[in-house]
PDB file of all heavy atoms in Angstrom:
ATOM      1  N   TYR A   1       9.285   8.610 -61.557  1.00  0.00           N
ATOM      2  CA  TYR A   1       8.966   7.181 -61.492  1.00  0.00           C
ATOM      3  C   TYR A   1       7.978   6.836 -60.384  1.00  0.00           C
ATOM      4  O   TYR A   1       7.612   5.670 -60.227  1.00  0.00           O
ATOM      5  CB  TYR A   1      10.262   6.368 -61.349  1.00  0.00           C
ATOM      6  CG  TYR A   1      11.112   6.462 -62.585  1.00  0.00           C
ATOM      7  CD1 TYR A   1      12.185   7.341 -62.655  1.00  0.00           C
ATOM      8  CD2 TYR A   1      10.801   5.711 -63.716  1.00  0.00           C
ATOM      9  CE1 TYR A   1      12.949   7.462 -63.813  1.00  0.00           C
ATOM     10  CE2 TYR A   1      11.553   5.821 -64.873  1.00  0.00           C
ATOM     11  CZ  TYR A   1      12.621   6.696 -64.918  1.00  0.00           C
ATOM     12  OH  TYR A   1      13.359   6.817 -66.072  1.00  0.00           O
ATOM     13  N   PHE A   2       7.521   7.828 -59.648  1.00  0.00           N
ATOM     14  CA  PHE A   2       6.470   7.571 -58.660  1.00  0.00           C
ATOM     15  C   PHE A   2       5.207   7.035 -59.345  1.00  0.00           C
ATOM     16  O   PHE A   2       4.498   6.214 -58.769  1.00  0.00           O
ATOM     17  CB  PHE A   2       6.141   8.848 -57.883  1.00  0.00           C
ATOM     18  CG  PHE A   2       6.983   9.056 -56.656  1.00  0.00           C
ATOM     19  CD1 PHE A   2       7.971  10.022 -56.628  1.00  0.00           C
ATOM     20  CD2 PHE A   2       6.769   8.287 -55.517  1.00  0.00           C
ATOM     21  CE1 PHE A   2       8.745  10.224 -55.494  1.00  0.00           C
ATOM     22  CE2 PHE A   2       7.542   8.476 -54.373  1.00  0.00           C
ATOM     23  CZ  PHE A   2       8.533   9.447 -54.358  1.00  0.00           C
ATOM     24  N   ARG A   3       4.916   7.501 -60.558  1.00  0.00           N
ATOM     25  CA  ARG A   3       3.687   7.047 -61.214  1.00  0.00           C
ATOM     26  C   ARG A   3       3.761   5.554 -61.553  1.00  0.00           C
ATOM     27  O   ARG A   3       2.755   4.852 -61.492  1.00  0.00           O
ATOM     28  CB  ARG A   3       3.402   7.887 -62.455  1.00  0.00           C
ATOM     29  CG  ARG A   3       4.360   7.715 -63.627  1.00  0.00           C
ATOM     30  CD  ARG A   3       4.098   8.791 -64.665  1.00  0.00           C
ATOM     31  NE  ARG A   3       4.676   8.510 -65.973  1.00  0.00           N
ATOM     32  CZ  ARG A   3       5.931   8.736 -66.308  1.00  0.00           C
ATOM     33  NH1 ARG A   3       6.776   9.248 -65.428  1.00  0.00           N
ATOM     34  NH2 ARG A   3       6.354   8.464 -67.540  1.00  0.00           N
ATOM     35  N   PHE A   4       4.956   5.072 -61.918  1.00  0.00           N
ATOM     36  CA  PHE A   4       5.110   3.644 -62.184  1.00  0.00           C
ATOM     37  C   PHE A   4       5.095   2.846 -60.875  1.00  0.00           C
ATOM     38  O   PHE A   4       4.539   1.752 -60.817  1.00  0.00           O
ATOM     39  CB  PHE A   4       6.404   3.381 -62.944  1.00  0.00           C
ATOM     40  CG  PHE A   4       6.394   3.897 -64.349  1.00  0.00           C
ATOM     41  CD1 PHE A   4       7.253   4.911 -64.743  1.00  0.00           C
ATOM     42  CD2 PHE A   4       5.516   3.386 -65.292  1.00  0.00           C
ATOM     43  CE1 PHE A   4       7.245   5.393 -66.044  1.00  0.00           C
ATOM     44  CE2 PHE A   4       5.501   3.862 -66.597  1.00  0.00           C
ATOM     45  CZ  PHE A   4       6.363   4.864 -66.974  1.00  0.00           C
ATOM     46  N   ALA A   5       5.704   3.409 -59.828  1.00  0.00           N
ATOM     47  CA  ALA A   5       5.695   2.729 -58.531  1.00  0.00           C
ATOM     48  C   ALA A   5       4.271   2.580 -58.018  1.00  0.00           C
ATOM     49  O   ALA A   5       3.915   1.556 -57.421  1.00  0.00           O
ATOM     50  CB  ALA A   5       6.545   3.504 -57.526  1.00  0.00           C
ATOM     51  N   ALA A   6       3.435   3.594 -58.259  1.00  0.00           N
ATOM     52  CA  ALA A   6       2.034   3.522 -57.824  1.00  0.00           C
ATOM     53  C   ALA A   6       1.320   2.345 -58.465  1.00  0.00           C
ATOM     54  O   ALA A   6       0.514   1.661 -57.825  1.00  0.00           O
ATOM     55  CB  ALA A   6       1.317   4.826 -58.169  1.00  0.00           C
ATOM     56  N   ALA A   7       1.622   2.094 -59.743  1.00  0.00           N
ATOM     57  CA  ALA A   7       0.992   0.976 -60.444  1.00  0.00           C
ATOM     58  C   ALA A   7       1.478  -0.367 -59.918  1.00  0.00           C
ATOM     59  O   ALA A   7       0.777  -1.379 -60.050  1.00  0.00           O
ATOM     60  CB  ALA A   7       1.261   1.077 -61.943  1.00  0.00           C
ATOM     61  N   GLU A   8       2.655  -0.382 -59.332  1.00  0.00           N
ATOM     62  CA  GLU A   8       3.265  -1.634 -58.890  1.00  0.00           C
ATOM     63  C   GLU A   8       2.858  -2.060 -57.480  1.00  0.00           C
ATOM     64  O   GLU A   8       3.115  -3.195 -57.079  1.00  0.00           O
ATOM     65  CB  GLU A   8       4.794  -1.527 -58.985  1.00  0.00           C
ATOM     66  CG  GLU A   8       5.273  -1.452 -60.434  1.00  0.00           C
ATOM     67  CD  GLU A   8       6.642  -0.814 -60.580  1.00  0.00           C
ATOM     68  OE1 GLU A   8       7.275  -0.524 -59.533  1.00  0.00           O
ATOM     69  OE2 GLU A   8       7.079  -0.585 -61.721  1.00  0.00           O
ATOM     70  N   VAL A   9       2.223  -1.163 -56.715  1.00  0.00           N
ATOM     71  CA  VAL A   9       1.826  -1.521 -55.349  1.00  0.00           C
ATOM     72  C   VAL A   9       0.337  -1.854 -55.247  1.00  0.00           C
ATOM     73  O   VAL A   9      -0.172  -2.107 -54.157  1.00  0.00           O
ATOM     74  CB  VAL A   9       2.176  -0.395 -54.347  1.00  0.00           C
ATOM     75  CG1 VAL A   9       3.673  -0.154 -54.310  1.00  0.00           C
ATOM     76  CG2 VAL A   9       1.421   0.888 -54.663  1.00  0.00           C
ATOM     77  N   VAL A  10      -0.369  -1.839 -56.401  1.00  0.00           N
ATOM     78  CA  VAL A  10      -1.798  -2.162 -56.396  1.00  0.00           C
ATOM     79  C   VAL A  10      -2.058  -3.296 -57.380  1.00  0.00           C
ATOM     80  O   VAL A  10      -1.191  -3.663 -58.184  1.00  0.00           O
ATOM     81  CB  VAL A  10      -2.659  -0.932 -56.768  1.00  0.00           C
ATOM     82  CG1 VAL A  10      -2.426   0.200 -55.780  1.00  0.00           C
ATOM     83  CG2 VAL A  10      -2.361  -0.459 -58.198  1.00  0.00           C
ATOM     84  N   GLU A  11      -3.263  -3.833 -57.331  1.00  0.00           N
ATOM     85  CA  GLU A  11      -3.643  -4.876 -58.272  1.00  0.00           C
ATOM     86  C   GLU A  11      -3.775  -4.300 -59.679  1.00  0.00           C
ATOM     87  O   GLU A  11      -4.012  -3.110 -59.864  1.00  0.00           O
ATOM     88  CB  GLU A  11      -4.968  -5.499 -57.829  1.00  0.00           C
ATOM     89  CG  GLU A  11      -4.875  -6.191 -56.469  1.00  0.00           C
ATOM     90  CD  GLU A  11      -6.238  -6.643 -55.964  1.00  0.00           C
ATOM     91  OE1 GLU A  11      -7.230  -6.464 -56.709  1.00  0.00           O
ATOM     92  OE2 GLU A  11      -6.313  -7.156 -54.834  1.00  0.00           O
ATOM     93  N   ALA A  12      -3.658  -5.180 -60.681  1.00  0.00           N
ATOM     94  CA  ALA A  12      -3.636  -4.738 -62.078  1.00  0.00           C
ATOM     95  C   ALA A  12      -4.857  -3.915 -62.443  1.00  0.00           C
ATOM     96  O   ALA A  12      -4.764  -2.923 -63.177  1.00  0.00           O
ATOM     97  CB  ALA A  12      -3.518  -5.958 -62.995  1.00  0.00           C
ATOM     98  N   ALA A  13      -6.038  -4.295 -61.952  1.00  0.00           N
ATOM     99  CA  ALA A  13      -7.261  -3.591 -62.312  1.00  0.00           C
ATOM    100  C   ALA A  13      -7.272  -2.153 -61.811  1.00  0.00           C
ATOM    101  O   ALA A  13      -7.969  -1.299 -62.367  1.00  0.00           O
ATOM    102  CB  ALA A  13      -8.479  -4.340 -61.755  1.00  0.00           C
ATOM    103  N   TRP A  14      -6.495  -1.869 -60.765  1.00  0.00           N
ATOM    104  CA  TRP A  14      -6.477  -0.536 -60.176  1.00  0.00           C
ATOM    105  C   TRP A  14      -5.284   0.302 -60.636  1.00  0.00           C
ATOM    106  O   TRP A  14      -5.110   1.431 -60.182  1.00  0.00           O
ATOM    107  CB  TRP A  14      -6.458  -0.647 -58.649  1.00  0.00           C
ATOM    108  CG  TRP A  14      -7.805  -1.004 -58.084  1.00  0.00           C
ATOM    109  CD1 TRP A  14      -8.264  -2.252 -57.797  1.00  0.00           C
ATOM    110  CD2 TRP A  14      -8.857  -0.094 -57.758  1.00  0.00           C
ATOM    111  NE1 TRP A  14      -9.543  -2.179 -57.310  1.00  0.00           N
ATOM    112  CE2 TRP A  14      -9.933  -0.869 -57.267  1.00  0.00           C
ATOM    113  CE3 TRP A  14      -9.003   1.285 -57.831  1.00  0.00           C
ATOM    114  CZ2 TRP A  14     -11.133  -0.305 -56.862  1.00  0.00           C
ATOM    115  CZ3 TRP A  14     -10.196   1.860 -57.419  1.00  0.00           C
ATOM    116  CH2 TRP A  14     -11.250   1.063 -56.943  1.00  0.00           C
ATOM    117  N   GLN A  15      -4.461  -0.224 -61.531  1.00  0.00           N
ATOM    118  CA  GLN A  15      -3.277   0.505 -61.954  1.00  0.00           C
ATOM    119  C   GLN A  15      -3.587   1.861 -62.588  1.00  0.00           C
ATOM    120  O   GLN A  15      -2.951   2.869 -62.251  1.00  0.00           O
ATOM    121  CB  GLN A  15      -2.439  -0.357 -62.899  1.00  0.00           C
ATOM    122  CG  GLN A  15      -1.694  -1.480 -62.186  1.00  0.00           C
ATOM    123  CD  GLN A  15      -0.826  -2.291 -63.120  1.00  0.00           C
ATOM    124  OE1 GLN A  15      -0.838  -2.103 -64.328  1.00  0.00           O
ATOM    125  NE2 GLN A  15      -0.042  -3.208 -62.554  1.00  0.00           N
ATOM    126  N   PRO A  16      -4.568   1.958 -63.533  1.00  0.00           N
ATOM    127  CA  PRO A  16      -4.852   3.286 -64.105  1.00  0.00           C
ATOM    128  C   PRO A  16      -5.282   4.307 -63.060  1.00  0.00           C
ATOM    129  O   PRO A  16      -4.913   5.476 -63.128  1.00  0.00           O
ATOM    130  CB  PRO A  16      -5.982   2.991 -65.108  1.00  0.00           C
ATOM    131  CG  PRO A  16      -5.877   1.545 -65.411  1.00  0.00           C
ATOM    132  CD  PRO A  16      -5.389   0.903 -64.150  1.00  0.00           C
ATOM    133  N   VAL A  17      -6.069   3.860 -62.077  1.00  0.00           N
ATOM    134  CA  VAL A  17      -6.522   4.766 -61.018  1.00  0.00           C
ATOM    135  C   VAL A  17      -5.342   5.213 -60.170  1.00  0.00           C
ATOM    136  O   VAL A  17      -5.217   6.398 -59.823  1.00  0.00           O
ATOM    137  CB  VAL A  17      -7.590   4.073 -60.142  1.00  0.00           C
ATOM    138  CG1 VAL A  17      -8.009   4.985 -58.998  1.00  0.00           C
ATOM    139  CG2 VAL A  17      -8.794   3.676 -60.987  1.00  0.00           C
ATOM    140  N   ALA A  18      -4.452   4.275 -59.832  1.00  0.00           N
ATOM    141  CA  ALA A  18      -3.282   4.617 -59.015  1.00  0.00           C
ATOM    142  C   ALA A  18      -2.384   5.617 -59.732  1.00  0.00           C
ATOM    143  O   ALA A  18      -1.917   6.591 -59.126  1.00  0.00           O
ATOM    144  CB  ALA A  18      -2.502   3.340 -58.678  1.00  0.00           C
ATOM    145  N   ILE A  19      -2.139   5.400 -61.023  1.00  0.00           N
ATOM    146  CA  ILE A  19      -1.308   6.323 -61.805  1.00  0.00           C
ATOM    147  C   ILE A  19      -1.956   7.699 -61.857  1.00  0.00           C
ATOM    148  O   ILE A  19      -1.300   8.737 -61.663  1.00  0.00           O
ATOM    149  CB  ILE A  19      -1.090   5.776 -63.224  1.00  0.00           C
ATOM    150  CG1 ILE A  19      -0.225   4.508 -63.180  1.00  0.00           C
ATOM    151  CG2 ILE A  19      -0.427   6.828 -64.117  1.00  0.00           C
ATOM    152  CD1 ILE A  19      -0.186   3.753 -64.490  1.00  0.00           C
ATOM    153  N   SER A  20      -3.258   7.726 -62.109  1.00  0.00           N
ATOM    154  CA  SER A  20      -3.982   8.984 -62.225  1.00  0.00           C
ATOM    155  C   SER A  20      -3.950   9.762 -60.917  1.00  0.00           C
ATOM    156  O   SER A  20      -3.638  10.960 -60.892  1.00  0.00           O
ATOM    157  CB  SER A  20      -5.431   8.702 -62.645  1.00  0.00           C
ATOM    158  OG  SER A  20      -6.170   9.895 -62.731  1.00  0.00           O
ATOM    159  N   LEU A  21      -4.277   9.093 -59.819  1.00  0.00           N
ATOM    160  CA  LEU A  21      -4.291   9.778 -58.528  1.00  0.00           C
ATOM    161  C   LEU A  21      -2.899  10.242 -58.122  1.00  0.00           C
ATOM    162  O   LEU A  21      -2.756  11.257 -57.441  1.00  0.00           O
ATOM    163  CB  LEU A  21      -4.879   8.861 -57.457  1.00  0.00           C
ATOM    164  CG  LEU A  21      -6.380   8.555 -57.589  1.00  0.00           C
ATOM    165  CD1 LEU A  21      -6.827   7.606 -56.489  1.00  0.00           C
ATOM    166  CD2 LEU A  21      -7.203   9.844 -57.545  1.00  0.00           C
ATOM    167  N   MET A  22      -1.855   9.508 -58.528  1.00  0.00           N
ATOM    168  CA  MET A  22      -0.496   9.934 -58.208  1.00  0.00           C
ATOM    169  C   MET A  22      -0.192  11.296 -58.831  1.00  0.00           C
ATOM    170  O   MET A  22       0.524  12.113 -58.241  1.00  0.00           O
ATOM    171  CB  MET A  22       0.514   8.886 -58.694  1.00  0.00           C
ATOM    172  CG  MET A  22       1.937   9.103 -58.220  1.00  0.00           C
ATOM    173  SD  MET A  22       2.130   9.143 -56.414  1.00  0.00           S
ATOM    174  CE  MET A  22       1.583   7.493 -55.960  1.00  0.00           C
ATOM    175  N   LEU A  23      -0.747  11.553 -60.003  1.00  0.00           N
ATOM    176  CA  LEU A  23      -0.484  12.830 -60.661  1.00  0.00           C
ATOM    177  C   LEU A  23      -1.284  13.979 -60.057  1.00  0.00           C
ATOM    178  O   LEU A  23      -1.033  15.135 -60.376  1.00  0.00           O
ATOM    179  CB  LEU A  23      -0.782  12.723 -62.159  1.00  0.00           C
ATOM    180  CG  LEU A  23       0.232  11.904 -62.962  1.00  0.00           C
ATOM    181  CD1 LEU A  23      -0.096  11.953 -64.443  1.00  0.00           C
ATOM    182  CD2 LEU A  23       1.651  12.388 -62.744  1.00  0.00           C
ATOM    183  N   THR A  24      -2.275  13.680 -59.182  1.00  0.00           N
ATOM    184  CA  THR A  24      -2.966  14.776 -58.500  1.00  0.00           C
ATOM    185  C   THR A  24      -2.018  15.524 -57.581  1.00  0.00           C
ATOM    186  O   THR A  24      -2.289  16.669 -57.208  1.00  0.00           O
ATOM    187  CB  THR A  24      -4.154  14.254 -57.666  1.00  0.00           C
ATOM    188  OG1 THR A  24      -3.677  13.344 -56.658  1.00  0.00           O
ATOM    189  CG2 THR A  24      -5.193  13.559 -58.536  1.00  0.00           C
ATOM    190  N   SER A  25      -0.907  14.893 -57.224  1.00  0.00           N
ATOM    191  CA  SER A  25       0.076  15.575 -56.380  1.00  0.00           C
ATOM    192  C   SER A  25       0.594  16.836 -57.065  1.00  0.00           C
ATOM    193  O   SER A  25       0.997  17.797 -56.401  1.00  0.00           O
ATOM    194  CB  SER A  25       1.240  14.644 -56.048  1.00  0.00           C
ATOM    195  OG  SER A  25       1.925  14.251 -57.228  1.00  0.00           O
ATOM    196  N   GLY A  26       0.593  16.834 -58.397  1.00  0.00           N
ATOM    197  CA  GLY A  26       1.044  18.014 -59.128  1.00  0.00           C
ATOM    198  C   GLY A  26       0.164  19.217 -58.872  1.00  0.00           C
ATOM    199  O   GLY A  26       0.635  20.366 -58.875  1.00  0.00           O
ATOM    200  N   LEU A  27      -1.139  18.984 -58.637  1.00  0.00           N
ATOM    201  CA  LEU A  27      -2.060  20.084 -58.348  1.00  0.00           C
ATOM    202  C   LEU A  27      -1.724  20.699 -56.991  1.00  0.00           C
ATOM    203  O   LEU A  27      -1.692  21.929 -56.844  1.00  0.00           O
ATOM    204  CB  LEU A  27      -3.502  19.568 -58.366  1.00  0.00           C
ATOM    205  CG  LEU A  27      -4.597  20.609 -58.142  1.00  0.00           C
ATOM    206  CD1 LEU A  27      -4.570  21.659 -59.240  1.00  0.00           C
ATOM    207  CD2 LEU A  27      -5.964  19.941 -58.078  1.00  0.00           C
ATOM    208  N   VAL A  28      -1.464  19.849 -56.007  1.00  0.00           N
ATOM    209  CA  VAL A  28      -1.081  20.355 -54.681  1.00  0.00           C
ATOM    210  C   VAL A  28       0.243  21.098 -54.769  1.00  0.00           C
ATOM    211  O   VAL A  28       0.402  22.192 -54.214  1.00  0.00           O
ATOM    212  CB  VAL A  28      -0.982  19.184 -53.680  1.00  0.00           C
ATOM    213  CG1 VAL A  28      -0.539  19.696 -52.305  1.00  0.00           C
ATOM    214  CG2 VAL A  28      -2.311  18.454 -53.574  1.00  0.00           C
ATOM    215  N   ALA A  29       1.204  20.512 -55.487  1.00  0.00           N
ATOM    216  CA  ALA A  29       2.518  21.140 -55.624  1.00  0.00           C
ATOM    217  C   ALA A  29       2.425  22.494 -56.312  1.00  0.00           C
ATOM    218  O   ALA A  29       3.168  23.428 -55.974  1.00  0.00           O
ATOM    219  CB  ALA A  29       3.450  20.216 -56.402  1.00  0.00           C
ATOM    220  N   ALA A  30       1.509  22.611 -57.284  1.00  0.00           N
ATOM    221  CA  ALA A  30       1.374  23.864 -58.026  1.00  0.00           C
ATOM    222  C   ALA A  30       0.957  25.018 -57.126  1.00  0.00           C
ATOM    223  O   ALA A  30       1.302  26.177 -57.378  1.00  0.00           O
ATOM    224  CB  ALA A  30       0.354  23.691 -59.153  1.00  0.00           C
TER     225      ALA A  30
END
């Protein structure tokens, strides 16, 4: 649910970017 939380702390226009960047954490984790 971090990806949904990311969308909720930014303005609506930036929600897709926030969700996308949140998933970059998977690359670091890998």
